[in-house]
């Protein structure tokens, strides 16, 4: 009987710790916790200077009347970043045809600024149809990169073959610079709804 009671106590204690660490079991992974925090806390994202594919320098987010969709990429990625570019193109087309036209900017933000030169970003932009206005490709300065990734909760791990493993998602930033939603790359319906909320 005593071993059973002891085991039960260990299970209950472990469950309590797990529940606290996962927001009451709502987030069982780091990515889930990151997405939940965006929805519930809507943390302010610090403004970072970035250089775009056209050579323009701007602060991101811009704290103006537009919402921003940010995705993190590196242009030499042969797989997920190319899919991400195709999904951003689909989102651009959907937004242009609906009531959010002119109220949203799209930014593909490189976390490989050393290799993603302006020319490389411009080529990625041309390949996916980014016009540099509604949708642009940009890179932060190398010294700003760690803080920028931390602000968005993005994890980037070198894969030892010249590439990276990273979490890919659409980050929705409100006009006042708050991270209000994080969605799967192909959740375009969810992105439109999140943008509508962010722009209210």
N, C-alpha and C. Protein backbone atom coordinates (compact mmCIF):
# COMPACT_ATOMS: atom_id res chain seq x y z
N UNK A 1 0.83 -1.21 0.00
CA UNK A 1 0.00 0.00 0.00
C UNK A 1 0.86 1.26 0.00
N UNK A 2 1.94 1.21 0.83
CA UNK A 2 2.81 2.40 0.91
C UNK A 2 3.46 2.74 -0.43
N UNK A 3 3.99 1.74 -1.17
CA UNK A 3 4.55 2.07 -2.49
C UNK A 3 3.53 2.70 -3.44
N UNK A 4 2.28 2.24 -3.36
CA UNK A 4 1.24 2.80 -4.22
C UNK A 4 0.98 4.26 -3.87
N UNK A 5 0.90 4.54 -2.57
CA UNK A 5 0.67 5.92 -2.12
C UNK A 5 1.85 6.81 -2.53
N UNK A 6 3.07 6.28 -2.36
CA UNK A 6 4.26 7.05 -2.73
C UNK A 6 4.28 7.33 -4.22
N UNK A 7 3.94 6.32 -5.02
CA UNK A 7 3.92 6.50 -6.48
C UNK A 7 2.87 7.52 -6.88
N UNK A 8 1.71 7.44 -6.23
CA UNK A 8 0.64 8.39 -6.53
C UNK A 8 1.07 9.81 -6.19
N UNK A 9 1.76 9.96 -5.08
CA UNK A 9 2.24 11.29 -4.67
C UNK A 9 3.23 11.85 -5.69
N UNK A 10 4.12 10.98 -6.20
CA UNK A 10 5.09 11.42 -7.21
C UNK A 10 4.38 11.84 -8.48
N UNK A 11 3.39 11.05 -8.91
CA UNK A 11 2.63 11.38 -10.13
C UNK A 11 1.91 12.71 -9.96
N UNK A 12 1.26 12.92 -8.82
CA UNK A 12 0.54 14.17 -8.59
C UNK A 12 1.48 15.36 -8.55
N UNK A 13 2.64 15.18 -7.89
CA UNK A 13 3.61 16.28 -7.82
C UNK A 13 4.14 16.60 -9.21
N UNK A 14 4.44 15.54 -9.98
CA UNK A 14 4.93 15.76 -11.34
C UNK A 14 3.88 16.43 -12.21
N UNK A 15 2.63 16.03 -12.05
CA UNK A 15 1.55 16.64 -12.83
C UNK A 15 1.39 18.11 -12.49
N UNK A 16 1.54 18.44 -11.22
CA UNK A 16 1.42 19.84 -10.81
C UNK A 16 2.52 20.69 -11.42
N UNK A 17 3.74 20.16 -11.41
CA UNK A 17 4.87 20.90 -12.01
C UNK A 17 4.66 21.05 -13.51
N UNK A 18 4.25 19.94 -14.18
CA UNK A 18 4.01 20.00 -15.62
C UNK A 18 2.89 20.98 -15.96
N UNK A 19 1.84 20.95 -15.17
CA UNK A 19 0.73 21.87 -15.40
C UNK A 19 1.15 23.32 -15.28
N UNK A 20 1.98 23.61 -14.28
CA UNK A 20 2.44 24.99 -14.10
C UNK A 20 3.36 25.40 -15.25
N UNK A 21 4.22 24.49 -15.67
CA UNK A 21 5.19 24.82 -16.73
C UNK A 21 4.56 24.93 -18.10
N UNK A 22 3.37 24.37 -18.25
CA UNK A 22 2.73 24.36 -19.57
C UNK A 22 1.45 25.17 -19.60
N UNK A 23 1.35 26.19 -18.75
CA UNK A 23 0.16 27.03 -18.71
C UNK A 23 -1.09 26.19 -18.56
N UNK A 24 -1.09 25.35 -17.49
CA UNK A 24 -2.25 24.50 -17.26
C UNK A 24 -2.46 23.47 -18.34
N UNK A 25 -1.35 22.91 -18.85
CA UNK A 25 -1.34 21.89 -19.90
C UNK A 25 -1.77 22.43 -21.26
N UNK A 26 -1.96 23.74 -21.38
CA UNK A 26 -2.35 24.31 -22.68
C UNK A 26 -1.19 24.29 -23.66
N UNK A 27 0.04 24.34 -23.15
CA UNK A 27 1.21 24.36 -24.04
C UNK A 27 2.16 23.24 -23.63
N UNK A 28 2.26 22.22 -24.46
CA UNK A 28 3.13 21.10 -24.13
C UNK A 28 4.45 21.16 -24.89
N UNK A 29 4.64 22.14 -25.75
CA UNK A 29 5.91 22.33 -26.43
C UNK A 29 6.27 23.81 -26.38
N UNK A 30 7.54 24.08 -26.66
CA UNK A 30 7.99 25.47 -26.69
C UNK A 30 7.23 26.27 -27.73
N UNK A 31 7.01 25.66 -28.91
CA UNK A 31 6.29 26.37 -29.96
C UNK A 31 4.85 26.64 -29.56
N UNK A 32 4.21 25.67 -28.91
CA UNK A 32 2.84 25.89 -28.44
C UNK A 32 2.81 27.01 -27.40
N UNK A 33 3.78 27.02 -26.51
CA UNK A 33 3.84 28.07 -25.48
C UNK A 33 4.04 29.43 -26.12
N UNK A 34 4.88 29.49 -27.15
CA UNK A 34 5.13 30.76 -27.85
C UNK A 34 3.85 31.27 -28.50
N UNK A 35 3.11 30.37 -29.12
CA UNK A 35 1.86 30.78 -29.78
C UNK A 35 0.80 31.19 -28.76
N UNK A 36 0.73 30.48 -27.66
CA UNK A 36 -0.24 30.82 -26.62
C UNK A 36 0.08 32.19 -26.02
N UNK A 37 1.37 32.46 -25.79
CA UNK A 37 1.77 33.75 -25.22
C UNK A 37 1.39 34.90 -26.14
N UNK A 38 1.52 34.70 -27.45
CA UNK A 38 1.14 35.76 -28.39
C UNK A 38 -0.34 36.07 -28.29
N UNK A 39 -1.16 35.03 -28.17
CA UNK A 39 -2.61 35.22 -28.10
C UNK A 39 -3.06 35.85 -26.78
N UNK A 40 -2.43 35.42 -25.69
CA UNK A 40 -2.91 35.86 -24.37
C UNK A 40 -2.20 37.11 -23.86
N UNK A 41 -0.87 37.21 -24.10
CA UNK A 41 -0.10 38.33 -23.56
C UNK A 41 0.08 39.47 -24.55
N UNK A 42 0.06 39.14 -25.85
CA UNK A 42 0.32 40.12 -26.91
C UNK A 42 1.52 40.99 -26.56
N UNK A 43 2.71 40.37 -26.44
CA UNK A 43 3.89 41.13 -26.03
C UNK A 43 4.30 42.20 -27.04
N UNK A 44 4.80 43.30 -26.53
CA UNK A 44 5.34 44.35 -27.41
C UNK A 44 6.64 43.86 -28.02
N UNK A 45 6.81 44.09 -29.31
CA UNK A 45 8.04 43.71 -30.01
C UNK A 45 8.90 44.96 -30.17
N UNK A 46 10.13 44.95 -29.68
CA UNK A 46 11.00 46.11 -29.87
C UNK A 46 11.22 46.39 -31.36
N UNK A 47 11.41 47.65 -31.70
CA UNK A 47 11.68 48.01 -33.09
C UNK A 47 13.17 47.80 -33.39
N UNK A 48 13.45 47.09 -34.46
CA UNK A 48 14.82 46.83 -34.89
C UNK A 48 15.04 47.42 -36.28
N UNK A 49 16.20 48.02 -36.53
CA UNK A 49 16.50 48.50 -37.88
C UNK A 49 16.81 47.32 -38.80
N UNK A 50 16.26 47.35 -40.01
CA UNK A 50 16.54 46.31 -41.00
C UNK A 50 16.82 46.97 -42.34
N UNK A 51 17.53 46.24 -43.18
CA UNK A 51 17.80 46.67 -44.55
C UNK A 51 16.98 45.80 -45.49
N UNK A 52 16.24 46.42 -46.40
CA UNK A 52 15.39 45.66 -47.30
C UNK A 52 16.13 45.28 -48.58
N UNK A 53 15.46 44.49 -49.38
CA UNK A 53 16.04 44.04 -50.65
C UNK A 53 16.26 45.17 -51.64
N UNK A 54 15.61 46.31 -51.42
CA UNK A 54 15.81 47.47 -52.30
C UNK A 54 16.84 48.45 -51.72
N UNK A 55 17.42 48.11 -50.57
CA UNK A 55 18.40 48.98 -49.94
C UNK A 55 17.79 49.98 -48.97
N UNK A 56 16.47 49.97 -48.84
CA UNK A 56 15.80 50.87 -47.90
C UNK A 56 16.11 50.42 -46.47
N UNK A 57 16.27 51.37 -45.58
CA UNK A 57 16.45 51.06 -44.17
C UNK A 57 15.20 51.51 -43.43
N UNK A 58 14.66 50.60 -42.63
CA UNK A 58 13.46 50.94 -41.89
C UNK A 58 13.46 50.24 -40.54
N UNK A 59 12.60 50.73 -39.65
CA UNK A 59 12.41 50.08 -38.37
C UNK A 59 11.28 49.07 -38.49
N UNK A 60 11.47 47.91 -37.90
CA UNK A 60 10.46 46.87 -37.92
C UNK A 60 10.19 46.43 -36.48
N UNK A 61 8.93 46.50 -36.02
CA UNK A 61 7.76 47.04 -36.69
C UNK A 61 7.80 48.55 -36.78
N UNK A 62 6.95 49.12 -37.65
CA UNK A 62 7.02 50.54 -37.96
C UNK A 62 6.12 51.41 -37.09
N UNK A 63 5.21 50.82 -36.33
CA UNK A 63 4.30 51.59 -35.46
C UNK A 63 3.54 52.64 -36.27
N UNK A 64 2.86 52.17 -37.29
CA UNK A 64 2.02 53.06 -38.09
C UNK A 64 0.62 52.45 -38.15
N UNK A 65 -0.14 52.74 -39.14
CA UNK A 65 -1.51 52.24 -39.20
C UNK A 65 -1.64 50.87 -39.84
N UNK A 66 -0.53 50.26 -40.22
CA UNK A 66 -0.57 48.96 -40.87
C UNK A 66 -0.19 47.84 -39.90
N UNK A 67 -0.83 46.70 -40.09
CA UNK A 67 -0.38 45.49 -39.41
C UNK A 67 0.73 44.87 -40.26
N UNK A 68 1.55 44.04 -39.62
CA UNK A 68 2.69 43.43 -40.31
C UNK A 68 2.65 41.92 -40.12
N UNK A 69 2.90 41.20 -41.20
CA UNK A 69 3.09 39.76 -41.13
C UNK A 69 4.58 39.50 -41.34
N UNK A 70 5.21 38.87 -40.35
CA UNK A 70 6.64 38.59 -40.41
C UNK A 70 6.84 37.09 -40.48
N UNK A 71 7.67 36.67 -41.42
CA UNK A 71 8.15 35.27 -41.45
C UNK A 71 9.67 35.31 -41.42
N UNK A 72 10.28 34.30 -40.82
CA UNK A 72 11.73 34.22 -40.73
C UNK A 72 12.23 33.16 -41.70
N UNK A 73 13.24 33.55 -42.50
CA UNK A 73 13.75 32.69 -43.56
C UNK A 73 15.26 32.82 -43.67
N UNK A 74 15.87 31.98 -44.48
CA UNK A 74 17.18 32.28 -45.07
C UNK A 74 17.08 31.86 -46.53
N UNK A 75 17.59 32.68 -47.41
CA UNK A 75 17.26 32.53 -48.83
C UNK A 75 17.86 31.30 -49.48
N UNK A 76 18.94 30.73 -48.89
CA UNK A 76 19.55 29.53 -49.46
C UNK A 76 18.83 28.25 -49.05
N UNK A 77 17.82 28.36 -48.23
CA UNK A 77 17.08 27.18 -47.78
C UNK A 77 16.38 26.53 -48.98
N UNK A 78 16.62 25.26 -49.23
CA UNK A 78 16.03 24.61 -50.40
C UNK A 78 14.63 24.06 -50.17
N UNK A 79 14.16 24.07 -48.93
CA UNK A 79 12.90 23.40 -48.63
C UNK A 79 11.87 24.35 -48.02
N UNK A 80 11.83 24.42 -46.69
CA UNK A 80 10.72 25.08 -46.01
C UNK A 80 10.63 26.57 -46.33
N UNK A 81 11.76 27.25 -46.52
CA UNK A 81 11.71 28.69 -46.81
C UNK A 81 11.13 28.95 -48.21
N UNK A 82 11.34 28.02 -49.13
CA UNK A 82 10.74 28.17 -50.45
C UNK A 82 9.22 27.97 -50.36
N UNK A 83 8.81 27.01 -49.55
CA UNK A 83 7.37 26.82 -49.31
C UNK A 83 6.80 28.06 -48.63
N UNK A 84 7.55 28.59 -47.66
CA UNK A 84 7.10 29.80 -46.95
C UNK A 84 6.92 30.96 -47.92
N UNK A 85 7.84 31.10 -48.86
CA UNK A 85 7.70 32.16 -49.86
C UNK A 85 6.46 31.99 -50.71
N UNK A 86 6.17 30.75 -51.08
CA UNK A 86 4.96 30.48 -51.88
C UNK A 86 3.70 30.80 -51.08
N UNK A 87 3.70 30.49 -49.78
CA UNK A 87 2.53 30.79 -48.94
C UNK A 87 2.37 32.30 -48.74
N UNK A 88 3.48 33.01 -48.60
CA UNK A 88 3.40 34.48 -48.47
C UNK A 88 2.82 35.08 -49.74
N UNK A 89 3.20 34.53 -50.88
CA UNK A 89 2.64 35.02 -52.15
C UNK A 89 1.13 34.79 -52.20
N UNK A 90 0.68 33.64 -51.74
CA UNK A 90 -0.75 33.37 -51.69
C UNK A 90 -1.45 34.34 -50.73
N UNK A 91 -0.83 34.60 -49.58
CA UNK A 91 -1.42 35.53 -48.62
C UNK A 91 -1.48 36.93 -49.21
N UNK A 92 -0.43 37.36 -49.89
CA UNK A 92 -0.42 38.68 -50.55
C UNK A 92 -1.59 38.80 -51.52
N UNK A 93 -1.80 37.77 -52.33
CA UNK A 93 -2.88 37.81 -53.32
C UNK A 93 -4.25 37.86 -52.66
N UNK A 94 -4.42 37.09 -51.59
CA UNK A 94 -5.70 37.10 -50.87
C UNK A 94 -5.97 38.46 -50.25
N UNK A 95 -4.95 39.04 -49.64
CA UNK A 95 -5.13 40.35 -48.99
C UNK A 95 -5.43 41.43 -50.02
N UNK A 96 -4.78 41.37 -51.16
CA UNK A 96 -4.98 42.38 -52.21
C UNK A 96 -6.39 42.35 -52.75
N UNK A 97 -7.05 41.20 -52.67
CA UNK A 97 -8.40 41.06 -53.22
C UNK A 97 -9.50 41.28 -52.18
N UNK A 98 -9.13 41.61 -50.95
CA UNK A 98 -10.13 41.72 -49.89
C UNK A 98 -10.11 43.06 -49.18
N UNK A 99 -10.85 43.15 -48.07
CA UNK A 99 -10.99 44.42 -47.35
C UNK A 99 -9.73 44.88 -46.63
N UNK A 100 -8.72 44.00 -46.52
CA UNK A 100 -7.48 44.39 -45.85
C UNK A 100 -6.44 44.96 -46.81
N UNK A 101 -6.79 45.09 -48.08
CA UNK A 101 -5.85 45.62 -49.07
C UNK A 101 -5.35 47.00 -48.64
N UNK A 102 -4.04 47.17 -48.68
CA UNK A 102 -3.43 48.44 -48.33
C UNK A 102 -3.24 48.66 -46.84
N UNK A 103 -3.67 47.69 -46.02
CA UNK A 103 -3.59 47.86 -44.56
C UNK A 103 -2.58 46.91 -43.91
N UNK A 104 -1.90 46.10 -44.74
CA UNK A 104 -0.98 45.08 -44.22
C UNK A 104 0.31 45.10 -45.01
N UNK A 105 1.43 44.98 -44.32
CA UNK A 105 2.72 44.78 -45.00
C UNK A 105 3.22 43.37 -44.67
N UNK A 106 3.93 42.78 -45.60
CA UNK A 106 4.51 41.45 -45.44
C UNK A 106 6.02 41.58 -45.47
N UNK A 107 6.68 40.91 -44.52
CA UNK A 107 8.14 40.97 -44.45
C UNK A 107 8.69 39.57 -44.28
N UNK A 108 9.54 39.16 -45.21
CA UNK A 108 10.32 37.93 -45.07
C UNK A 108 11.66 38.36 -44.50
N UNK A 109 11.93 37.97 -43.26
CA UNK A 109 13.08 38.50 -42.53
C UNK A 109 14.16 37.42 -42.42
N UNK A 110 15.33 37.72 -42.95
CA UNK A 110 16.42 36.76 -42.95
C UNK A 110 17.10 36.69 -41.58
N UNK A 111 17.38 35.46 -41.14
CA UNK A 111 18.20 35.28 -39.95
C UNK A 111 19.62 34.84 -40.33
N UNK A 112 19.97 35.04 -41.61
CA UNK A 112 21.32 34.74 -42.11
C UNK A 112 21.87 35.98 -42.81
N UNK A 113 22.00 37.10 -42.07
CA UNK A 113 22.34 38.37 -42.73
C UNK A 113 23.72 38.39 -43.38
N UNK A 114 24.63 37.55 -42.93
CA UNK A 114 25.97 37.54 -43.53
C UNK A 114 25.93 37.04 -44.97
N UNK A 115 25.15 36.01 -45.24
CA UNK A 115 25.06 35.46 -46.60
C UNK A 115 23.93 36.07 -47.41
N UNK A 116 22.89 36.52 -46.71
CA UNK A 116 21.75 37.10 -47.44
C UNK A 116 22.02 38.58 -47.71
N UNK A 117 22.81 38.80 -48.74
CA UNK A 117 23.13 40.16 -49.18
C UNK A 117 21.89 40.80 -49.80
N UNK A 118 21.99 42.08 -50.09
CA UNK A 118 20.88 42.76 -50.74
C UNK A 118 20.54 42.09 -52.08
N UNK A 119 21.56 41.70 -52.82
CA UNK A 119 21.34 41.04 -54.12
C UNK A 119 20.65 39.68 -53.93
N UNK A 120 21.08 38.95 -52.92
CA UNK A 120 20.49 37.64 -52.65
C UNK A 120 19.04 37.78 -52.23
N UNK A 121 18.76 38.78 -51.39
CA UNK A 121 17.38 39.01 -50.96
C UNK A 121 16.51 39.43 -52.14
N UNK A 122 17.07 40.28 -53.01
CA UNK A 122 16.31 40.73 -54.17
C UNK A 122 15.99 39.56 -55.09
N UNK A 123 16.93 38.63 -55.25
CA UNK A 123 16.69 37.45 -56.09
C UNK A 123 15.59 36.58 -55.48
N UNK A 124 15.62 36.37 -54.17
CA UNK A 124 14.57 35.61 -53.49
C UNK A 124 13.22 36.32 -53.68
N UNK A 125 13.24 37.64 -53.55
CA UNK A 125 12.02 38.42 -53.74
C UNK A 125 11.48 38.30 -55.15
N UNK A 126 12.35 38.39 -56.15
CA UNK A 126 11.92 38.25 -57.55
C UNK A 126 11.34 36.86 -57.79
N UNK A 127 11.99 35.85 -57.25
CA UNK A 127 11.55 34.48 -57.46
C UNK A 127 10.13 34.26 -56.93
N UNK A 128 9.82 34.92 -55.80
CA UNK A 128 8.51 34.70 -55.17
C UNK A 128 7.51 35.82 -55.45
N UNK A 129 7.94 36.86 -56.15
CA UNK A 129 7.00 37.92 -56.51
C UNK A 129 6.84 39.01 -55.46
N UNK A 130 7.83 39.19 -54.58
CA UNK A 130 7.78 40.29 -53.62
C UNK A 130 8.12 41.58 -54.35
N UNK A 131 7.29 42.62 -54.14
CA UNK A 131 7.47 43.86 -54.89
C UNK A 131 8.30 44.91 -54.17
N UNK A 132 8.70 44.65 -52.93
CA UNK A 132 9.48 45.64 -52.18
C UNK A 132 8.62 46.69 -51.50
N UNK A 133 7.31 46.66 -51.73
CA UNK A 133 6.41 47.65 -51.11
C UNK A 133 5.42 46.94 -50.19
N UNK A 134 4.48 46.22 -50.78
CA UNK A 134 3.54 45.44 -49.97
C UNK A 134 4.29 44.31 -49.27
N UNK A 135 5.17 43.67 -50.00
CA UNK A 135 5.95 42.54 -49.46
C UNK A 135 7.41 42.77 -49.77
N UNK A 136 8.25 42.72 -48.74
CA UNK A 136 9.67 42.89 -48.95
C UNK A 136 10.44 41.81 -48.21
N UNK A 137 11.68 41.64 -48.63
CA UNK A 137 12.62 40.75 -47.96
C UNK A 137 13.64 41.66 -47.28
N UNK A 138 13.99 41.36 -46.03
CA UNK A 138 14.87 42.25 -45.29
C UNK A 138 15.80 41.45 -44.39
N UNK A 139 16.83 42.13 -43.89
CA UNK A 139 17.76 41.48 -42.95
C UNK A 139 18.12 42.48 -41.85
N UNK A 140 18.29 41.98 -40.63
CA UNK A 140 18.77 42.84 -39.55
C UNK A 140 20.29 42.92 -39.60
N UNK A 141 20.86 43.81 -38.82
CA UNK A 141 22.30 43.80 -38.63
C UNK A 141 22.69 42.60 -37.79
N UNK A 142 23.88 42.05 -37.99
CA UNK A 142 24.30 40.86 -37.24
C UNK A 142 24.23 41.05 -35.72
N UNK A 143 24.54 42.25 -35.24
CA UNK A 143 24.52 42.45 -33.78
C UNK A 143 23.10 42.49 -33.22
N UNK A 144 22.11 42.84 -34.07
CA UNK A 144 20.72 42.88 -33.61
C UNK A 144 20.03 41.52 -33.70
N UNK A 145 20.62 40.58 -34.44
CA UNK A 145 19.94 39.32 -34.73
C UNK A 145 19.54 38.53 -33.48
N UNK A 146 20.44 38.31 -32.51
CA UNK A 146 20.03 37.51 -31.34
C UNK A 146 18.84 38.11 -30.60
N UNK A 147 18.85 39.42 -30.38
CA UNK A 147 17.75 40.07 -29.67
C UNK A 147 16.46 40.01 -30.48
N UNK A 148 16.58 40.15 -31.80
CA UNK A 148 15.39 40.11 -32.65
C UNK A 148 14.76 38.71 -32.62
N UNK A 149 15.59 37.67 -32.74
CA UNK A 149 15.06 36.31 -32.67
C UNK A 149 14.42 36.05 -31.31
N UNK A 150 15.04 36.57 -30.26
CA UNK A 150 14.49 36.40 -28.92
C UNK A 150 13.16 37.10 -28.76
N UNK A 151 13.02 38.28 -29.34
CA UNK A 151 11.77 39.03 -29.22
C UNK A 151 10.61 38.29 -29.86
N UNK A 152 10.87 37.57 -30.95
CA UNK A 152 9.82 36.82 -31.63
C UNK A 152 9.75 35.36 -31.17
N UNK A 153 10.71 34.94 -30.36
CA UNK A 153 10.72 33.55 -29.89
C UNK A 153 11.11 32.56 -30.96
N UNK A 154 11.93 32.99 -31.90
CA UNK A 154 12.33 32.12 -33.01
C UNK A 154 13.63 31.39 -32.65
N UNK A 155 13.64 30.09 -32.88
CA UNK A 155 14.82 29.26 -32.62
C UNK A 155 15.48 28.90 -33.95
N UNK A 156 16.79 29.15 -34.04
CA UNK A 156 17.56 28.85 -35.24
C UNK A 156 18.77 28.03 -34.84
N UNK A 157 18.92 26.83 -35.42
CA UNK A 157 20.01 25.94 -35.07
C UNK A 157 20.74 25.54 -36.33
N UNK A 158 22.07 25.81 -36.42
CA UNK A 158 22.82 25.36 -37.60
C UNK A 158 22.73 23.84 -37.74
N UNK A 159 22.58 23.37 -38.99
CA UNK A 159 22.40 21.93 -39.21
C UNK A 159 23.69 21.21 -39.60
N UNK A 160 24.82 21.91 -39.56
CA UNK A 160 26.15 21.37 -39.86
C UNK A 160 26.37 21.07 -41.34
N UNK A 161 25.41 21.46 -42.18
CA UNK A 161 25.60 21.29 -43.62
C UNK A 161 25.48 22.63 -44.34
N UNK A 162 25.57 23.72 -43.57
CA UNK A 162 25.46 25.05 -44.16
C UNK A 162 24.07 25.63 -44.09
N UNK A 163 23.13 24.88 -43.56
CA UNK A 163 21.75 25.36 -43.43
C UNK A 163 21.35 25.50 -41.98
N UNK A 164 20.04 25.61 -41.76
CA UNK A 164 19.53 25.82 -40.41
C UNK A 164 18.24 25.03 -40.21
N UNK A 165 18.02 24.64 -38.98
CA UNK A 165 16.72 24.14 -38.53
C UNK A 165 16.06 25.28 -37.78
N UNK A 166 14.82 25.58 -38.10
CA UNK A 166 14.16 26.72 -37.46
C UNK A 166 12.66 26.53 -37.46
N UNK A 167 11.99 27.24 -36.54
CA UNK A 167 10.53 27.19 -36.54
C UNK A 167 9.99 28.19 -37.56
N UNK A 168 9.10 27.71 -38.41
CA UNK A 168 8.54 28.53 -39.48
C UNK A 168 7.08 28.84 -39.16
N UNK A 169 6.73 30.12 -39.22
CA UNK A 169 5.37 30.53 -38.88
C UNK A 169 5.11 31.93 -39.41
N UNK A 170 3.85 32.30 -39.42
CA UNK A 170 3.45 33.68 -39.70
C UNK A 170 3.25 34.40 -38.38
N UNK A 171 4.03 35.45 -38.15
CA UNK A 171 3.89 36.26 -36.95
C UNK A 171 3.08 37.51 -37.27
N UNK A 172 1.98 37.73 -36.57
CA UNK A 172 1.12 38.87 -36.83
C UNK A 172 1.44 39.96 -35.81
N UNK A 173 1.81 41.14 -36.30
CA UNK A 173 2.17 42.26 -35.44
C UNK A 173 1.19 43.40 -35.69
N UNK A 174 0.61 43.89 -34.61
CA UNK A 174 -0.39 44.95 -34.71
C UNK A 174 0.26 46.29 -35.05
N UNK A 175 -0.52 47.29 -35.46
CA UNK A 175 0.06 48.60 -35.79
C UNK A 175 0.82 49.24 -34.64
N UNK A 176 0.47 48.91 -33.39
CA UNK A 176 1.20 49.48 -32.25
C UNK A 176 2.36 48.59 -31.80
N UNK A 177 2.72 47.60 -32.62
CA UNK A 177 3.93 46.84 -32.37
C UNK A 177 3.80 45.68 -31.40
N UNK A 178 2.60 45.07 -31.33
CA UNK A 178 2.41 43.92 -30.45
C UNK A 178 2.27 42.64 -31.26
N UNK A 179 2.92 41.59 -30.78
CA UNK A 179 2.83 40.28 -31.41
C UNK A 179 1.52 39.65 -30.96
N UNK A 180 0.54 39.59 -31.86
CA UNK A 180 -0.81 39.19 -31.47
C UNK A 180 -1.20 37.78 -31.88
N UNK A 181 -0.46 37.14 -32.77
CA UNK A 181 -0.76 35.78 -33.18
C UNK A 181 0.44 35.18 -33.89
N UNK A 182 0.58 33.85 -33.75
CA UNK A 182 1.59 33.08 -34.47
C UNK A 182 0.87 31.89 -35.07
N UNK A 183 0.98 31.75 -36.39
CA UNK A 183 0.17 30.76 -37.10
C UNK A 183 1.02 29.92 -38.05
N UNK A 184 0.51 28.74 -38.38
CA UNK A 184 1.17 27.93 -39.39
C UNK A 184 1.25 28.68 -40.70
N UNK A 185 2.28 28.38 -41.48
CA UNK A 185 2.51 29.09 -42.73
C UNK A 185 1.32 28.99 -43.68
N UNK A 186 0.64 27.86 -43.68
CA UNK A 186 -0.45 27.67 -44.63
C UNK A 186 -1.83 28.01 -44.05
N UNK A 187 -1.86 28.59 -42.85
CA UNK A 187 -3.15 28.95 -42.24
C UNK A 187 -3.54 30.36 -42.69
N UNK A 188 -3.90 30.50 -43.94
CA UNK A 188 -4.19 31.82 -44.49
C UNK A 188 -5.52 32.36 -43.98
N UNK A 189 -6.49 31.48 -43.76
CA UNK A 189 -7.76 31.93 -43.16
C UNK A 189 -7.50 32.49 -41.77
N UNK A 190 -6.71 31.76 -40.98
CA UNK A 190 -6.38 32.23 -39.64
C UNK A 190 -5.61 33.53 -39.66
N UNK A 191 -4.72 33.68 -40.65
CA UNK A 191 -3.95 34.92 -40.76
C UNK A 191 -4.85 36.11 -41.05
N UNK A 192 -5.80 35.94 -41.96
CA UNK A 192 -6.73 37.03 -42.25
C UNK A 192 -7.55 37.43 -41.02
N UNK A 193 -8.02 36.44 -40.28
CA UNK A 193 -8.79 36.73 -39.07
C UNK A 193 -7.93 37.43 -38.03
N UNK A 194 -6.69 36.96 -37.87
CA UNK A 194 -5.79 37.58 -36.90
C UNK A 194 -5.45 39.01 -37.30
N UNK A 195 -5.29 39.25 -38.58
CA UNK A 195 -5.02 40.62 -39.05
C UNK A 195 -6.22 41.53 -38.83
N UNK A 196 -7.41 41.00 -39.06
CA UNK A 196 -8.60 41.80 -38.78
C UNK A 196 -8.66 42.21 -37.31
N UNK A 197 -8.34 41.26 -36.42
CA UNK A 197 -8.33 41.57 -34.97
C UNK A 197 -7.25 42.61 -34.66
N UNK A 198 -6.08 42.43 -35.25
CA UNK A 198 -4.95 43.33 -34.97
C UNK A 198 -5.22 44.75 -35.44
N UNK A 199 -6.07 44.89 -36.45
CA UNK A 199 -6.34 46.22 -37.02
C UNK A 199 -7.58 46.90 -36.40
N UNK A 200 -8.24 46.26 -35.47
CA UNK A 200 -9.42 46.88 -34.85
C UNK A 200 -9.01 48.03 -33.94
